[in-house]
Amino acid sequence: MPETQLVESSGRLVPGKKQFFVELLLALVLSRLPYISLPFHWLESYFHELSHGIAAIISGGVVSHIRLFPDGSGLCFSQGGWPVLIGFSGYTGAALWGALLFLMSCLRSGIRQSYLALGIVVLLTLLLWARDILSIAIMASLAVLFLLPLKLTYNTLLRGSLRLVALIVMLNALASPAVLLGLGQRGDASLLADLTMIPSVIWVMLWFAVGLGALYLCWRVIVFNAPRKVNSAKTSGN
């Protein structure tokens, strides 16, 4: 008779489908709460401006400094490079950084090393490109956000916290460009429209597609690691 056997998945490494949606809902709530959401807006802004800087360097430019503001906005000052790539990389990079954080939370080993690496990246950015006291204070706070959890004992809690941060970063990366467009403010979309003659709404739609793609990548990780059914047949000897 055929027998159905459930193969164990890496449950402590990757959440189940229901848990993913619960965490996604929690991330959505936390990203909208006054005061509590502020450090996460700083983090999304940090990854946004860092991505601008990386794009500038990759395309042959030089980064002068990065400024972060208490309201969650930021600026990256650079010279040279390809303006279109630099302008497009902000919201794109923030979404991809969020997906990377999620993938790092699913690593079989090295979750503490992941937190340490992220904290070091923030500190290096502070040393290289932070010039004003507000940016220094915000980046120092973000470094603490990654380094302080290293005192936690349980890796499961570390993984869950990093997943939650990753989801909040991706959700903020989805919402930010659409908000700017709706308010009619000049930002990356307006800059790209001036450079390419492609309407701002097209760039916002592209960023939205990238953000959804980042979330879908995380979902595919969940689906791939979900428990699978394996059919095996019992045979009886004569």
C-alpha atoms as a PDB file:
ATOM      1  CA  MET A   1       0.000   0.000   0.000  1.00  0.00           C
ATOM      2  CA  PRO A   2       1.319   3.494  -0.722  1.00  0.00           C
ATOM      3  CA  GLU A   3       2.303   5.440   2.363  1.00  0.00           C
ATOM      4  CA  THR A   4       2.596   9.228   2.668  1.00  0.00           C
ATOM      5  CA  GLN A   5       5.509  10.584   4.688  1.00  0.00           C
ATOM      6  CA  LEU A   6       6.123  14.226   5.554  1.00  0.00           C
ATOM      7  CA  VAL A   7       9.726  15.275   5.083  1.00  0.00           C
ATOM      8  CA  GLU A   8      10.936  17.663   7.762  1.00  0.00           C
ATOM      9  CA  SER A   9      11.856  21.146   6.529  1.00  0.00           C
ATOM     10  CA  SER A  10      14.248  23.616   8.077  1.00  0.00           C
ATOM     11  CA  GLY A  11      11.510  25.061  10.252  1.00  0.00           C
ATOM     12  CA  ARG A  12      13.816  27.023  12.494  1.00  0.00           C
ATOM     13  CA  LEU A  13      15.648  28.493   9.520  1.00  0.00           C
ATOM     14  CA  VAL A  14      12.742  29.428   7.269  1.00  0.00           C
ATOM     15  CA  PRO A  15       9.239  30.301   8.526  1.00  0.00           C
ATOM     16  CA  GLY A  16       6.152  28.555   7.257  1.00  0.00           C
ATOM     17  CA  LYS A  17       3.664  30.184   4.904  1.00  0.00           C
ATOM     18  CA  LYS A  18       1.246  31.221   7.643  1.00  0.00           C
ATOM     19  CA  GLN A  19       4.061  32.585   9.790  1.00  0.00           C
ATOM     20  CA  PHE A  20       5.355  34.586   6.807  1.00  0.00           C
ATOM     21  CA  PHE A  21       2.007  36.332   6.370  1.00  0.00           C
ATOM     22  CA  VAL A  22       1.764  37.004  10.113  1.00  0.00           C
ATOM     23  CA  GLU A  23       5.230  38.555  10.094  1.00  0.00           C
ATOM     24  CA  LEU A  24       4.368  40.537   6.963  1.00  0.00           C
ATOM     25  CA  LEU A  25       1.245  41.918   8.675  1.00  0.00           C
ATOM     26  CA  LEU A  26       3.259  42.734  11.806  1.00  0.00           C
ATOM     27  CA  ALA A  27       5.877  44.492   9.663  1.00  0.00           C
ATOM     28  CA  LEU A  28       3.120  46.527   7.998  1.00  0.00           C
ATOM     29  CA  VAL A  29       1.741  47.606  11.384  1.00  0.00           C
ATOM     30  CA  LEU A  30       5.153  48.460  12.852  1.00  0.00           C
ATOM     31  CA  SER A  31       6.121  50.464   9.764  1.00  0.00           C
ATOM     32  CA  ARG A  32       3.082  52.716  10.335  1.00  0.00           C
ATOM     33  CA  LEU A  33       3.279  53.258  14.101  1.00  0.00           C
ATOM     34  CA  PRO A  34       4.469  56.711  15.209  1.00  0.00           C
ATOM     35  CA  TYR A  35       7.901  56.839  16.845  1.00  0.00           C
ATOM     36  CA  ILE A  36       8.339  53.050  16.793  1.00  0.00           C
ATOM     37  CA  SER A  37       8.596  53.068  13.001  1.00  0.00           C
ATOM     38  CA  LEU A  38      11.198  55.860  12.939  1.00  0.00           C
ATOM     39  CA  PRO A  39      14.353  53.675  13.229  1.00  0.00           C
ATOM     40  CA  PHE A  40      13.049  51.509  10.376  1.00  0.00           C
ATOM     41  CA  HIS A  41      12.493  54.584   8.210  1.00  0.00           C
ATOM     42  CA  TRP A  42      16.076  55.580   9.007  1.00  0.00           C
ATOM     43  CA  LEU A  43      17.223  52.129   7.961  1.00  0.00           C
ATOM     44  CA  GLU A  44      15.340  52.238   4.646  1.00  0.00           C
ATOM     45  CA  SER A  45      16.734  55.743   4.009  1.00  0.00           C
ATOM     46  CA  TYR A  46      20.238  54.506   4.864  1.00  0.00           C
ATOM     47  CA  PHE A  47      20.028  51.625   2.389  1.00  0.00           C
ATOM     48  CA  HIS A  48      18.507  54.009  -0.173  1.00  0.00           C
ATOM     49  CA  GLU A  49      21.360  56.517   0.060  1.00  0.00           C
ATOM     50  CA  LEU A  50      24.000  53.789   0.355  1.00  0.00           C
ATOM     51  CA  SER A  51      22.685  52.294  -2.906  1.00  0.00           C
ATOM     52  CA  HIS A  52      23.001  55.707  -4.568  1.00  0.00           C
ATOM     53  CA  GLY A  53      26.601  55.815  -3.371  1.00  0.00           C
ATOM     54  CA  ILE A  54      27.438  52.302  -4.551  1.00  0.00           C
ATOM     55  CA  ALA A  55      25.926  53.069  -7.979  1.00  0.00           C
ATOM     56  CA  ALA A  56      27.981  56.249  -8.203  1.00  0.00           C
ATOM     57  CA  ILE A  57      31.205  54.392  -7.434  1.00  0.00           C
ATOM     58  CA  ILE A  58      30.396  51.491  -9.785  1.00  0.00           C
ATOM     59  CA  SER A  59      29.731  53.922 -12.644  1.00  0.00           C
ATOM     60  CA  GLY A  60      32.983  55.807 -12.110  1.00  0.00           C
ATOM     61  CA  GLY A  61      31.887  58.548  -9.719  1.00  0.00           C
ATOM     62  CA  VAL A  62      32.985  59.592  -6.248  1.00  0.00           C
ATOM     63  CA  VAL A  63      30.851  59.900  -3.124  1.00  0.00           C
ATOM     64  CA  SER A  64      31.400  63.050  -1.108  1.00  0.00           C
ATOM     65  CA  HIS A  65      29.102  62.378   1.841  1.00  0.00           C
ATOM     66  CA  ILE A  66      25.713  61.029   2.905  1.00  0.00           C
ATOM     67  CA  ARG A  67      23.190  62.930   4.987  1.00  0.00           C
ATOM     68  CA  LEU A  68      20.329  61.345   6.912  1.00  0.00           C
ATOM     69  CA  PHE A  69      17.545  63.364   8.500  1.00  0.00           C
ATOM     70  CA  PRO A  70      15.356  62.615  11.536  1.00  0.00           C
ATOM     71  CA  ASP A  71      12.178  62.451   9.391  1.00  0.00           C
ATOM     72  CA  GLY A  72      13.534  59.438   7.480  1.00  0.00           C
ATOM     73  CA  SER A  73      14.716  61.286   4.390  1.00  0.00           C
ATOM     74  CA  GLY A  74      18.281  61.481   3.152  1.00  0.00           C
ATOM     75  CA  LEU A  75      20.698  62.731   0.522  1.00  0.00           C
ATOM     76  CA  CYS A  76      23.758  61.255  -1.171  1.00  0.00           C
ATOM     77  CA  PHE A  77      26.259  63.766  -2.550  1.00  0.00           C
ATOM     78  CA  SER A  78      28.404  62.437  -5.381  1.00  0.00           C
ATOM     79  CA  GLN A  79      30.372  63.635  -8.389  1.00  0.00           C
ATOM     80  CA  GLY A  80      30.620  61.908 -11.752  1.00  0.00           C
ATOM     81  CA  GLY A  81      29.147  58.532 -12.561  1.00  0.00           C
ATOM     82  CA  TRP A  82      26.043  57.753 -14.610  1.00  0.00           C
ATOM     83  CA  PRO A  83      23.162  59.875 -13.295  1.00  0.00           C
ATOM     84  CA  VAL A  84      20.443  57.511 -14.548  1.00  0.00           C
ATOM     85  CA  LEU A  85      21.938  54.517 -12.746  1.00  0.00           C
ATOM     86  CA  ILE A  86      22.551  56.579  -9.623  1.00  0.00           C
ATOM     87  CA  GLY A  87      19.003  57.945  -9.609  1.00  0.00           C
ATOM     88  CA  PHE A  88      17.375  54.568 -10.222  1.00  0.00           C
ATOM     89  CA  SER A  89      19.439  52.717  -7.635  1.00  0.00           C
ATOM     90  CA  GLY A  90      17.974  54.294  -4.489  1.00  0.00           C
ATOM     91  CA  TYR A  91      14.568  52.637  -4.166  1.00  0.00           C
ATOM     92  CA  THR A  92      15.781  49.625  -6.148  1.00  0.00           C
ATOM     93  CA  GLY A  93      18.697  49.137  -3.795  1.00  0.00           C
ATOM     94  CA  ALA A  94      16.576  49.517  -0.659  1.00  0.00           C
ATOM     95  CA  ALA A  95      14.226  46.764  -1.845  1.00  0.00           C
ATOM     96  CA  LEU A  96      17.148  44.491  -2.745  1.00  0.00           C
ATOM     97  CA  TRP A  97      18.854  45.147   0.587  1.00  0.00           C
ATOM     98  CA  GLY A  98      15.621  44.088   2.287  1.00  0.00           C
ATOM     99  CA  ALA A  99      15.562  40.855   0.290  1.00  0.00           C
ATOM    100  CA  LEU A 100      19.219  40.260   1.179  1.00  0.00           C
ATOM    101  CA  LEU A 101      18.473  40.688   4.883  1.00  0.00           C
ATOM    102  CA  PHE A 102      15.650  38.160   4.565  1.00  0.00           C
ATOM    103  CA  LEU A 103      17.925  35.659   2.822  1.00  0.00           C
ATOM    104  CA  MET A 104      20.613  36.193   5.458  1.00  0.00           C
ATOM    105  CA  SER A 105      18.064  35.300   8.150  1.00  0.00           C
ATOM    106  CA  CYS A 106      17.546  31.932   6.412  1.00  0.00           C
ATOM    107  CA  LEU A 107      21.206  30.914   6.388  1.00  0.00           C
ATOM    108  CA  ARG A 108      21.831  27.547   8.021  1.00  0.00           C
ATOM    109  CA  SER A 109      24.749  28.979   9.979  1.00  0.00           C
ATOM    110  CA  GLY A 110      26.317  32.364  10.568  1.00  0.00           C
ATOM    111  CA  ILE A 111      23.298  34.412  11.692  1.00  0.00           C
ATOM    112  CA  ARG A 112      25.423  36.200  14.280  1.00  0.00           C
ATOM    113  CA  GLN A 113      28.102  36.849  11.683  1.00  0.00           C
ATOM    114  CA  SER A 114      25.389  38.374   9.473  1.00  0.00           C
ATOM    115  CA  TYR A 115      24.400  40.841  12.202  1.00  0.00           C
ATOM    116  CA  LEU A 116      28.053  41.654  12.813  1.00  0.00           C
ATOM    117  CA  ALA A 117      28.728  42.219   9.106  1.00  0.00           C
ATOM    118  CA  LEU A 118      25.723  44.537   8.785  1.00  0.00           C
ATOM    119  CA  GLY A 119      26.811  46.523  11.824  1.00  0.00           C
ATOM    120  CA  ILE A 120      30.326  46.869  10.409  1.00  0.00           C
ATOM    121  CA  VAL A 121      28.950  48.077   7.048  1.00  0.00           C
ATOM    122  CA  VAL A 122      26.973  50.817   8.819  1.00  0.00           C
ATOM    123  CA  LEU A 123      30.002  51.841  10.884  1.00  0.00           C
ATOM    124  CA  LEU A 124      32.208  51.987   7.771  1.00  0.00           C
ATOM    125  CA  THR A 125      29.622  54.185   6.068  1.00  0.00           C
ATOM    126  CA  LEU A 126      29.634  56.424   9.127  1.00  0.00           C
ATOM    127  CA  LEU A 127      33.429  56.746   9.066  1.00  0.00           C
ATOM    128  CA  LEU A 128      33.683  57.303   5.310  1.00  0.00           C
ATOM    129  CA  TRP A 129      30.682  59.464   4.448  1.00  0.00           C
ATOM    130  CA  ALA A 130      28.958  60.873   7.545  1.00  0.00           C
ATOM    131  CA  ARG A 131      29.926  64.518   8.114  1.00  0.00           C
ATOM    132  CA  ASP A 132      27.174  66.142  10.188  1.00  0.00           C
ATOM    133  CA  ILE A 133      26.174  65.318  13.738  1.00  0.00           C
ATOM    134  CA  LEU A 134      22.637  64.168  12.832  1.00  0.00           C
ATOM    135  CA  SER A 135      23.855  61.664  10.232  1.00  0.00           C
ATOM    136  CA  ILE A 136      26.509  60.383  12.626  1.00  0.00           C
ATOM    137  CA  ALA A 137      23.914  59.925  15.380  1.00  0.00           C
ATOM    138  CA  ILE A 138      21.441  58.145  13.075  1.00  0.00           C
ATOM    139  CA  MET A 139      24.069  55.804  11.615  1.00  0.00           C
ATOM    140  CA  ALA A 140      25.388  55.044  15.095  1.00  0.00           C
ATOM    141  CA  SER A 141      21.820  54.141  16.132  1.00  0.00           C
ATOM    142  CA  LEU A 142      21.490  51.831  13.119  1.00  0.00           C
ATOM    143  CA  ALA A 143      24.799  50.163  13.966  1.00  0.00           C
ATOM    144  CA  VAL A 144      23.453  49.512  17.472  1.00  0.00           C
ATOM    145  CA  LEU A 145      20.278  48.082  15.886  1.00  0.00           C
ATOM    146  CA  PHE A 146      22.427  45.351  14.320  1.00  0.00           C
ATOM    147  CA  LEU A 147      25.105  44.909  16.996  1.00  0.00           C
ATOM    148  CA  LEU A 148      23.001  44.973  20.177  1.00  0.00           C
ATOM    149  CA  PRO A 149      20.952  41.842  19.264  1.00  0.00           C
ATOM    150  CA  LEU A 150      24.221  39.868  19.335  1.00  0.00           C
ATOM    151  CA  LYS A 151      23.717  39.739  23.097  1.00  0.00           C
ATOM    152  CA  LEU A 152      20.598  37.605  22.559  1.00  0.00           C
ATOM    153  CA  THR A 153      21.030  33.932  23.361  1.00  0.00           C
ATOM    154  CA  TYR A 154      18.635  32.301  20.913  1.00  0.00           C
ATOM    155  CA  ASN A 155      19.420  32.207  17.209  1.00  0.00           C
ATOM    156  CA  THR A 156      15.708  31.686  16.478  1.00  0.00           C
ATOM    157  CA  LEU A 157      14.943  35.110  17.946  1.00  0.00           C
ATOM    158  CA  LEU A 158      17.802  36.628  15.936  1.00  0.00           C
ATOM    159  CA  ARG A 159      16.415  35.131  12.737  1.00  0.00           C
ATOM    160  CA  GLY A 160      12.894  36.323  13.435  1.00  0.00           C
ATOM    161  CA  SER A 161      14.069  39.848  14.261  1.00  0.00           C
ATOM    162  CA  LEU A 162      16.139  40.088  11.075  1.00  0.00           C
ATOM    163  CA  ARG A 163      13.224  38.803   8.985  1.00  0.00           C
ATOM    164  CA  LEU A 164      10.964  41.443  10.503  1.00  0.00           C
ATOM    165  CA  VAL A 165      13.483  44.201   9.792  1.00  0.00           C
ATOM    166  CA  ALA A 166      13.874  42.919   6.218  1.00  0.00           C
ATOM    167  CA  LEU A 167      10.123  42.967   5.598  1.00  0.00           C
ATOM    168  CA  ILE A 168       9.770  46.487   7.017  1.00  0.00           C
ATOM    169  CA  VAL A 169      12.606  47.738   4.778  1.00  0.00           C
ATOM    170  CA  MET A 170      10.948  46.201   1.718  1.00  0.00           C
ATOM    171  CA  LEU A 171       7.520  47.605   2.612  1.00  0.00           C
ATOM    172  CA  ASN A 172       8.988  51.085   3.135  1.00  0.00           C
ATOM    173  CA  ALA A 173      10.836  50.794  -0.178  1.00  0.00           C
ATOM    174  CA  LEU A 174       7.497  50.001  -1.812  1.00  0.00           C
ATOM    175  CA  ALA A 175       5.623  52.871  -0.196  1.00  0.00           C
ATOM    176  CA  SER A 176       8.170  55.711  -0.353  1.00  0.00           C
ATOM    177  CA  PRO A 177       8.291  56.447  -4.114  1.00  0.00           C
ATOM    178  CA  ALA A 178       4.510  56.297  -4.461  1.00  0.00           C
ATOM    179  CA  VAL A 179       4.084  58.769  -1.569  1.00  0.00           C
ATOM    180  CA  LEU A 180       6.538  61.212  -3.136  1.00  0.00           C
ATOM    181  CA  LEU A 181       4.723  61.007  -6.461  1.00  0.00           C
ATOM    182  CA  GLY A 182       1.356  61.552  -4.835  1.00  0.00           C
ATOM    183  CA  LEU A 183       2.590  64.634  -2.984  1.00  0.00           C
ATOM    184  CA  GLY A 184       4.064  66.093  -6.144  1.00  0.00           C
ATOM    185  CA  GLN A 185       7.495  66.471  -4.544  1.00  0.00           C
ATOM    186  CA  ARG A 186      10.674  66.450  -6.542  1.00  0.00           C
ATOM    187  CA  GLY A 187      12.768  63.376  -5.942  1.00  0.00           C
ATOM    188  CA  ASP A 188      14.466  60.558  -7.785  1.00  0.00           C
ATOM    189  CA  ALA A 189      11.484  60.049 -10.102  1.00  0.00           C
ATOM    190  CA  SER A 190      11.461  63.708 -11.147  1.00  0.00           C
ATOM    191  CA  LEU A 191      15.230  63.657 -11.621  1.00  0.00           C
ATOM    192  CA  LEU A 192      15.035  60.586 -13.846  1.00  0.00           C
ATOM    193  CA  ALA A 193      12.143  62.101 -15.798  1.00  0.00           C
ATOM    194  CA  ASP A 194      14.268  65.187 -16.505  1.00  0.00           C
ATOM    195  CA  LEU A 195      17.234  63.043 -17.571  1.00  0.00           C
ATOM    196  CA  THR A 196      15.383  60.548 -19.757  1.00  0.00           C
ATOM    197  CA  MET A 197      12.080  62.207 -20.749  1.00  0.00           C
ATOM    198  CA  ILE A 198      10.350  59.118 -19.307  1.00  0.00           C
ATOM    199  CA  PRO A 199       7.454  60.194 -17.057  1.00  0.00           C
ATOM    200  CA  SER A 200       7.913  59.971 -13.299  1.00  0.00           C
ATOM    201  CA  VAL A 201       5.012  57.538 -12.975  1.00  0.00           C
ATOM    202  CA  ILE A 202       6.885  54.994 -15.113  1.00  0.00           C
ATOM    203  CA  TRP A 203       9.866  55.081 -12.773  1.00  0.00           C
ATOM    204  CA  VAL A 204       7.578  54.703  -9.758  1.00  0.00           C
ATOM    205  CA  MET A 205       5.940  51.693 -11.411  1.00  0.00           C
ATOM    206  CA  LEU A 206       9.379  50.157 -12.048  1.00  0.00           C
ATOM    207  CA  TRP A 207      10.361  50.646  -8.410  1.00  0.00           C
ATOM    208  CA  PHE A 208       7.066  49.163  -7.317  1.00  0.00           C
ATOM    209  CA  ALA A 209       7.711  46.141  -9.546  1.00  0.00           C
ATOM    210  CA  VAL A 210      11.185  45.722  -8.051  1.00  0.00           C
ATOM    211  CA  GLY A 211       9.743  45.894  -4.528  1.00  0.00           C
ATOM    212  CA  LEU A 212       7.104  43.307  -5.336  1.00  0.00           C
ATOM    213  CA  GLY A 213       9.778  41.152  -6.951  1.00  0.00           C
ATOM    214  CA  ALA A 214      11.865  41.324  -3.760  1.00  0.00           C
ATOM    215  CA  LEU A 215       8.876  40.217  -1.680  1.00  0.00           C
ATOM    216  CA  TYR A 216       8.112  37.460  -4.193  1.00  0.00           C
ATOM    217  CA  LEU A 217      11.695  36.216  -3.927  1.00  0.00           C
ATOM    218  CA  CYS A 218      11.240  35.897  -0.168  1.00  0.00           C
ATOM    219  CA  TRP A 219       7.964  34.054  -0.745  1.00  0.00           C
ATOM    220  CA  ARG A 220       9.700  31.636  -3.117  1.00  0.00           C
ATOM    221  CA  VAL A 221      12.223  30.867  -0.372  1.00  0.00           C
ATOM    222  CA  ILE A 222       9.289  30.038   1.923  1.00  0.00           C
ATOM    223  CA  VAL A 223       7.625  27.824  -0.694  1.00  0.00           C
ATOM    224  CA  PHE A 224      10.870  26.048  -1.597  1.00  0.00           C
ATOM    225  CA  ASN A 225      11.510  25.143   2.045  1.00  0.00           C
ATOM    226  CA  ALA A 226       7.920  24.144   2.825  1.00  0.00           C
ATOM    227  CA  PRO A 227       7.341  20.512   3.907  1.00  0.00           C
ATOM    228  CA  ARG A 228       6.988  18.162   0.957  1.00  0.00           C
ATOM    229  CA  LYS A 229       5.072  14.941   0.635  1.00  0.00           C
ATOM    230  CA  VAL A 230       7.037  11.924  -0.464  1.00  0.00           C
ATOM    231  CA  ASN A 231       5.213   8.838  -1.598  1.00  0.00           C
ATOM    232  CA  SER A 232       6.883   5.547  -0.885  1.00  0.00           C
ATOM    233  CA  ALA A 233       5.499   2.069  -1.470  1.00  0.00           C
ATOM    234  CA  LYS A 234       5.788  -0.807   0.973  1.00  0.00           C
ATOM    235  CA  THR A 235       6.620  -4.160  -0.572  1.00  0.00           C
ATOM    236  CA  SER A 236       6.181  -7.467   1.160  1.00  0.00           C
ATOM    237  CA  GLY A 237       8.503 -10.365   0.579  1.00  0.00           C
ATOM    238  CA  ASN A 238       7.377 -13.879  -0.178  1.00  0.00           C
END
